[in-house]
């Protein structure tokens, strides 16, 4: 799963590098040829996009560096850890919810994704199937029974978060 995530992020890095090194310089040169740069909206838009692409490249590079340092053998196979998909049942309402533990530096969050450093992520970390997680919230306390967990070792590539 980590390798598939590296490939996904690597593809985005390559796309952004091409935009930064080929597409944007062309757009900036074309805008410069139009003349007066003080009132040239194409020039300003290209420079703004260049700044955004550089920032995103920095984020992706840092994330890929962190991914490279993860030793997947250190992630537990039988309890909640990085990349684990957890199905819990609220002990009061019997309502089921699904969570997926992801990195804390993720930029995009899909529904159900929680970071390992979030309150619910910290509460679930290292818990096993059948254990009850006590989640203390400002307004109440929830008790969540872990009914299913799929660790990073068992996840399919399409389940990448």
C-alpha atoms as a PDB file:
ATOM      1  CA  UNK A   1       0.000   0.000   0.000  1.00  0.00           C
ATOM      2  CA  UNK A   2       2.811   2.407   0.796  1.00  0.00           C
ATOM      3  CA  UNK A   3       4.474   1.611  -2.528  1.00  0.00           C
ATOM      4  CA  UNK A   4       1.208   2.309  -4.379  1.00  0.00           C
ATOM      5  CA  UNK A   5       0.889   5.632  -2.543  1.00  0.00           C
ATOM      6  CA  UNK A   6       4.475   6.504  -3.492  1.00  0.00           C
ATOM      7  CA  UNK A   7       3.648   5.796  -7.153  1.00  0.00           C
ATOM      8  CA  UNK A   8       0.490   7.933  -6.975  1.00  0.00           C
ATOM      9  CA  UNK A   9       2.335  10.862  -5.379  1.00  0.00           C
ATOM     10  CA  UNK A  10       5.297  10.414  -7.729  1.00  0.00           C
ATOM     11  CA  UNK A  11       2.980  10.737 -10.738  1.00  0.00           C
ATOM     12  CA  UNK A  12       1.587  13.990  -9.344  1.00  0.00           C
ATOM     13  CA  UNK A  13       5.141  15.268  -8.751  1.00  0.00           C
ATOM     14  CA  UNK A  14       6.095  14.546 -12.374  1.00  0.00           C
ATOM     15  CA  UNK A  15       2.977  16.296 -13.679  1.00  0.00           C
ATOM     16  CA  UNK A  16       3.668  19.362 -11.523  1.00  0.00           C
ATOM     17  CA  UNK A  17       7.353  19.450 -12.498  1.00  0.00           C
ATOM     18  CA  UNK A  18       6.393  19.427 -16.178  1.00  0.00           C
ATOM     19  CA  UNK A  19       3.960  22.282 -15.538  1.00  0.00           C
ATOM     20  CA  UNK A  20       6.576  24.216 -13.555  1.00  0.00           C
ATOM     21  CA  UNK A  21       9.427  23.687 -16.030  1.00  0.00           C
ATOM     22  CA  UNK A  22       7.616  23.677 -19.389  1.00  0.00           C
ATOM     23  CA  UNK A  23       4.047  24.970 -19.353  1.00  0.00           C
ATOM     24  CA  UNK A  24       4.356  27.902 -16.957  1.00  0.00           C
ATOM     25  CA  UNK A  25       7.571  29.380 -18.432  1.00  0.00           C
ATOM     26  CA  UNK A  26       5.875  29.326 -21.846  1.00  0.00           C
ATOM     27  CA  UNK A  27       2.807  31.116 -20.432  1.00  0.00           C
ATOM     28  CA  UNK A  28       4.967  33.671 -18.615  1.00  0.00           C
ATOM     29  CA  UNK A  29       7.023  34.395 -21.766  1.00  0.00           C
ATOM     30  CA  UNK A  30       3.853  34.764 -23.830  1.00  0.00           C
ATOM     31  CA  UNK A  31       2.432  37.200 -21.253  1.00  0.00           C
ATOM     32  CA  UNK A  32       5.700  39.201 -21.198  1.00  0.00           C
ATOM     33  CA  UNK A  33       5.524  39.578 -24.982  1.00  0.00           C
ATOM     34  CA  UNK A  34       2.121  41.257 -24.592  1.00  0.00           C
ATOM     35  CA  UNK A  35       3.749  44.262 -23.004  1.00  0.00           C
ATOM     36  CA  UNK A  36       2.853  46.238 -19.870  1.00  0.00           C
ATOM     37  CA  UNK A  37       3.201  43.757 -16.980  1.00  0.00           C
ATOM     38  CA  UNK A  38       1.535  46.005 -14.388  1.00  0.00           C
ATOM     39  CA  UNK A  39      -1.917  45.399 -15.853  1.00  0.00           C
ATOM     40  CA  UNK A  40      -1.327  42.015 -17.464  1.00  0.00           C
ATOM     41  CA  UNK A  41      -3.718  39.519 -15.830  1.00  0.00           C
ATOM     42  CA  UNK A  42      -2.252  36.530 -17.733  1.00  0.00           C
ATOM     43  CA  UNK A  43       1.192  37.312 -16.340  1.00  0.00           C
ATOM     44  CA  UNK A  44      -0.129  37.681 -12.783  1.00  0.00           C
ATOM     45  CA  UNK A  45      -2.163  34.455 -13.079  1.00  0.00           C
ATOM     46  CA  UNK A  46       0.853  32.510 -14.387  1.00  0.00           C
ATOM     47  CA  UNK A  47       3.064  33.775 -11.548  1.00  0.00           C
ATOM     48  CA  UNK A  48       0.402  32.893  -8.962  1.00  0.00           C
ATOM     49  CA  UNK A  49       0.035  29.397 -10.444  1.00  0.00           C
ATOM     50  CA  UNK A  50       3.821  29.045 -10.370  1.00  0.00           C
ATOM     51  CA  UNK A  51       3.845  29.825  -6.632  1.00  0.00           C
ATOM     52  CA  UNK A  52       1.039  27.305  -5.985  1.00  0.00           C
ATOM     53  CA  UNK A  53       2.802  24.573  -7.973  1.00  0.00           C
ATOM     54  CA  UNK A  54       6.072  25.204  -6.118  1.00  0.00           C
ATOM     55  CA  UNK A  55       4.277  24.978  -2.755  1.00  0.00           C
ATOM     56  CA  UNK A  56       2.500  21.735  -3.701  1.00  0.00           C
ATOM     57  CA  UNK A  57       5.774  20.247  -4.973  1.00  0.00           C
ATOM     58  CA  UNK A  58       7.371  21.056  -1.623  1.00  0.00           C
ATOM     59  CA  UNK A  59       4.536  19.309   0.242  1.00  0.00           C
ATOM     60  CA  UNK A  60       4.692  16.237  -1.988  1.00  0.00           C
ATOM     61  CA  UNK A  61       8.482  16.004  -1.747  1.00  0.00           C
ATOM     62  CA  UNK A  62       8.307  16.131   2.050  1.00  0.00           C
ATOM     63  CA  UNK A  63       5.531  13.512   2.104  1.00  0.00           C
ATOM     64  CA  UNK A  64       7.478  11.183  -0.217  1.00  0.00           C
ATOM     65  CA  UNK A  65      10.507  11.579   2.044  1.00  0.00           C
ATOM     66  CA  UNK A  66       8.430  10.544   5.074  1.00  0.00           C
ATOM     67  CA  UNK A  67       6.975   7.590   3.157  1.00  0.00           C
ATOM     68  CA  UNK A  68      10.464   6.421   2.247  1.00  0.00           C
ATOM     69  CA  UNK A  69      11.436   6.319   5.918  1.00  0.00           C
ATOM     70  CA  UNK A  70       8.541   4.043   6.972  1.00  0.00           C
ATOM     71  CA  UNK A  71       9.457   0.481   7.799  1.00  0.00           C
ATOM     72  CA  UNK A  72       6.280  -1.444   7.003  1.00  0.00           C
ATOM     73  CA  UNK A  73       7.499  -4.398   9.068  1.00  0.00           C
ATOM     74  CA  UNK A  74       7.164  -2.201  12.169  1.00  0.00           C
ATOM     75  CA  UNK A  75       3.428  -1.626  11.555  1.00  0.00           C
ATOM     76  CA  UNK A  76       1.340  -4.166  13.514  1.00  0.00           C
ATOM     77  CA  UNK A  77      -0.559  -6.835  11.568  1.00  0.00           C
ATOM     78  CA  UNK A  78      -3.237  -7.490  14.191  1.00  0.00           C
ATOM     79  CA  UNK A  79      -4.055  -4.076  15.633  1.00  0.00           C
ATOM     80  CA  UNK A  80      -4.766  -0.506  14.566  1.00  0.00           C
ATOM     81  CA  UNK A  81      -1.802   1.302  13.041  1.00  0.00           C
ATOM     82  CA  UNK A  82      -0.917   3.495  10.070  1.00  0.00           C
ATOM     83  CA  UNK A  83      -3.123   2.735   7.054  1.00  0.00           C
ATOM     84  CA  UNK A  84      -5.618   0.633   8.995  1.00  0.00           C
ATOM     85  CA  UNK A  85      -9.264   0.730   7.955  1.00  0.00           C
ATOM     86  CA  UNK A  86     -11.454   0.346  11.058  1.00  0.00           C
ATOM     87  CA  UNK A  87     -15.176  -0.407  11.281  1.00  0.00           C
ATOM     88  CA  UNK A  88     -16.628   0.535  14.655  1.00  0.00           C
ATOM     89  CA  UNK A  89     -20.062   0.220  16.207  1.00  0.00           C
ATOM     90  CA  UNK A  90     -21.299   2.888  18.603  1.00  0.00           C
ATOM     91  CA  UNK A  91     -22.313   1.035  21.766  1.00  0.00           C
ATOM     92  CA  UNK A  92     -25.277   3.349  22.426  1.00  0.00           C
ATOM     93  CA  UNK A  93     -26.816   3.849  18.974  1.00  0.00           C
ATOM     94  CA  UNK A  94     -25.508   0.610  17.354  1.00  0.00           C
ATOM     95  CA  UNK A  95     -24.639   2.770  14.323  1.00  0.00           C
ATOM     96  CA  UNK A  96     -21.561   1.609  12.367  1.00  0.00           C
ATOM     97  CA  UNK A  97     -18.871   3.968  11.113  1.00  0.00           C
ATOM     98  CA  UNK A  98     -15.734   3.360   9.064  1.00  0.00           C
ATOM     99  CA  UNK A  99     -12.451   5.176   9.652  1.00  0.00           C
ATOM    100  CA  UNK A 100      -9.139   5.018   7.834  1.00  0.00           C
ATOM    101  CA  UNK A 101      -5.971   6.080   9.688  1.00  0.00           C
ATOM    102  CA  UNK A 102      -3.738   8.244   7.503  1.00  0.00           C
ATOM    103  CA  UNK A 103      -0.695  10.489   7.844  1.00  0.00           C
ATOM    104  CA  UNK A 104      -1.110  13.742   9.708  1.00  0.00           C
ATOM    105  CA  UNK A 105       0.323  15.752   6.810  1.00  0.00           C
ATOM    106  CA  UNK A 106      -2.229  14.708   4.205  1.00  0.00           C
ATOM    107  CA  UNK A 107      -3.614  17.566   2.169  1.00  0.00           C
ATOM    108  CA  UNK A 108      -6.785  15.917   0.895  1.00  0.00           C
ATOM    109  CA  UNK A 109      -9.062  14.035   3.239  1.00  0.00           C
ATOM    110  CA  UNK A 110     -11.740  11.682   1.988  1.00  0.00           C
ATOM    111  CA  UNK A 111     -14.796  10.946   4.088  1.00  0.00           C
ATOM    112  CA  UNK A 112     -13.867   8.727   7.028  1.00  0.00           C
ATOM    113  CA  UNK A 113     -10.172   9.567   6.936  1.00  0.00           C
ATOM    114  CA  UNK A 114      -8.665  10.524  10.269  1.00  0.00           C
ATOM    115  CA  UNK A 115      -5.076  11.305  11.094  1.00  0.00           C
ATOM    116  CA  UNK A 116      -3.163   9.242  13.596  1.00  0.00           C
ATOM    117  CA  UNK A 117      -2.623  12.389  15.664  1.00  0.00           C
ATOM    118  CA  UNK A 118      -6.335  13.306  15.839  1.00  0.00           C
ATOM    119  CA  UNK A 119      -8.264  12.494  19.040  1.00  0.00           C
ATOM    120  CA  UNK A 120     -10.056   9.537  17.449  1.00  0.00           C
ATOM    121  CA  UNK A 121      -6.834   8.342  15.799  1.00  0.00           C
ATOM    122  CA  UNK A 122      -4.938   8.433  19.100  1.00  0.00           C
ATOM    123  CA  UNK A 123      -7.800   6.642  20.886  1.00  0.00           C
ATOM    124  CA  UNK A 124      -7.843   3.813  18.320  1.00  0.00           C
ATOM    125  CA  UNK A 125      -4.090   3.365  17.902  1.00  0.00           C
ATOM    126  CA  UNK A 126      -2.882  -0.123  18.921  1.00  0.00           C
ATOM    127  CA  UNK A 127      -6.415  -1.404  19.638  1.00  0.00           C
ATOM    128  CA  UNK A 128      -7.483  -4.844  18.418  1.00  0.00           C
ATOM    129  CA  UNK A 129     -10.688  -6.225  16.930  1.00  0.00           C
ATOM    130  CA  UNK A 130     -13.237  -6.702  19.716  1.00  0.00           C
ATOM    131  CA  UNK A 131     -11.845  -3.936  21.937  1.00  0.00           C
ATOM    132  CA  UNK A 132     -13.939  -0.955  22.981  1.00  0.00           C
ATOM    133  CA  UNK A 133     -12.458   2.463  22.269  1.00  0.00           C
ATOM    134  CA  UNK A 134     -13.488   5.204  24.682  1.00  0.00           C
ATOM    135  CA  UNK A 135     -13.579   8.531  22.865  1.00  0.00           C
ATOM    136  CA  UNK A 136     -13.897  11.538  25.153  1.00  0.00           C
ATOM    137  CA  UNK A 137     -15.474  14.485  23.361  1.00  0.00           C
ATOM    138  CA  UNK A 138     -16.235  17.936  24.787  1.00  0.00           C
ATOM    139  CA  UNK A 139     -19.989  17.268  24.852  1.00  0.00           C
ATOM    140  CA  UNK A 140     -20.037  13.529  25.568  1.00  0.00           C
ATOM    141  CA  UNK A 141     -18.139  10.280  25.770  1.00  0.00           C
ATOM    142  CA  UNK A 142     -18.557   7.673  23.052  1.00  0.00           C
ATOM    143  CA  UNK A 143     -17.825   3.975  23.334  1.00  0.00           C
ATOM    144  CA  UNK A 144     -16.939   2.388  20.014  1.00  0.00           C
ATOM    145  CA  UNK A 145     -16.541  -1.374  19.563  1.00  0.00           C
ATOM    146  CA  UNK A 146     -14.024  -2.334  16.864  1.00  0.00           C
ATOM    147  CA  UNK A 147     -15.916  -4.880  14.760  1.00  0.00           C
ATOM    148  CA  UNK A 148     -13.510  -5.071  11.829  1.00  0.00           C
ATOM    149  CA  UNK A 149     -10.039  -3.891  10.929  1.00  0.00           C
ATOM    150  CA  UNK A 150      -8.026  -4.171   7.751  1.00  0.00           C
ATOM    151  CA  UNK A 151      -4.379  -3.357   8.323  1.00  0.00           C
ATOM    152  CA  UNK A 152      -2.038  -1.841   5.772  1.00  0.00           C
ATOM    153  CA  UNK A 153      -0.679  -5.356   5.201  1.00  0.00           C
ATOM    154  CA  UNK A 154      -4.095  -6.662   4.062  1.00  0.00           C
ATOM    155  CA  UNK A 155      -5.305  -3.572   2.165  1.00  0.00           C
ATOM    156  CA  UNK A 156      -5.856  -3.637  -1.582  1.00  0.00           C
ATOM    157  CA  UNK A 157      -4.162  -0.949  -3.752  1.00  0.00           C
ATOM    158  CA  UNK A 158      -7.529   0.726  -4.510  1.00  0.00           C
ATOM    159  CA  UNK A 159      -8.025   1.280  -0.767  1.00  0.00           C
ATOM    160  CA  UNK A 160      -5.136   3.753  -0.649  1.00  0.00           C
ATOM    161  CA  UNK A 161      -5.924   6.846   1.377  1.00  0.00           C
END
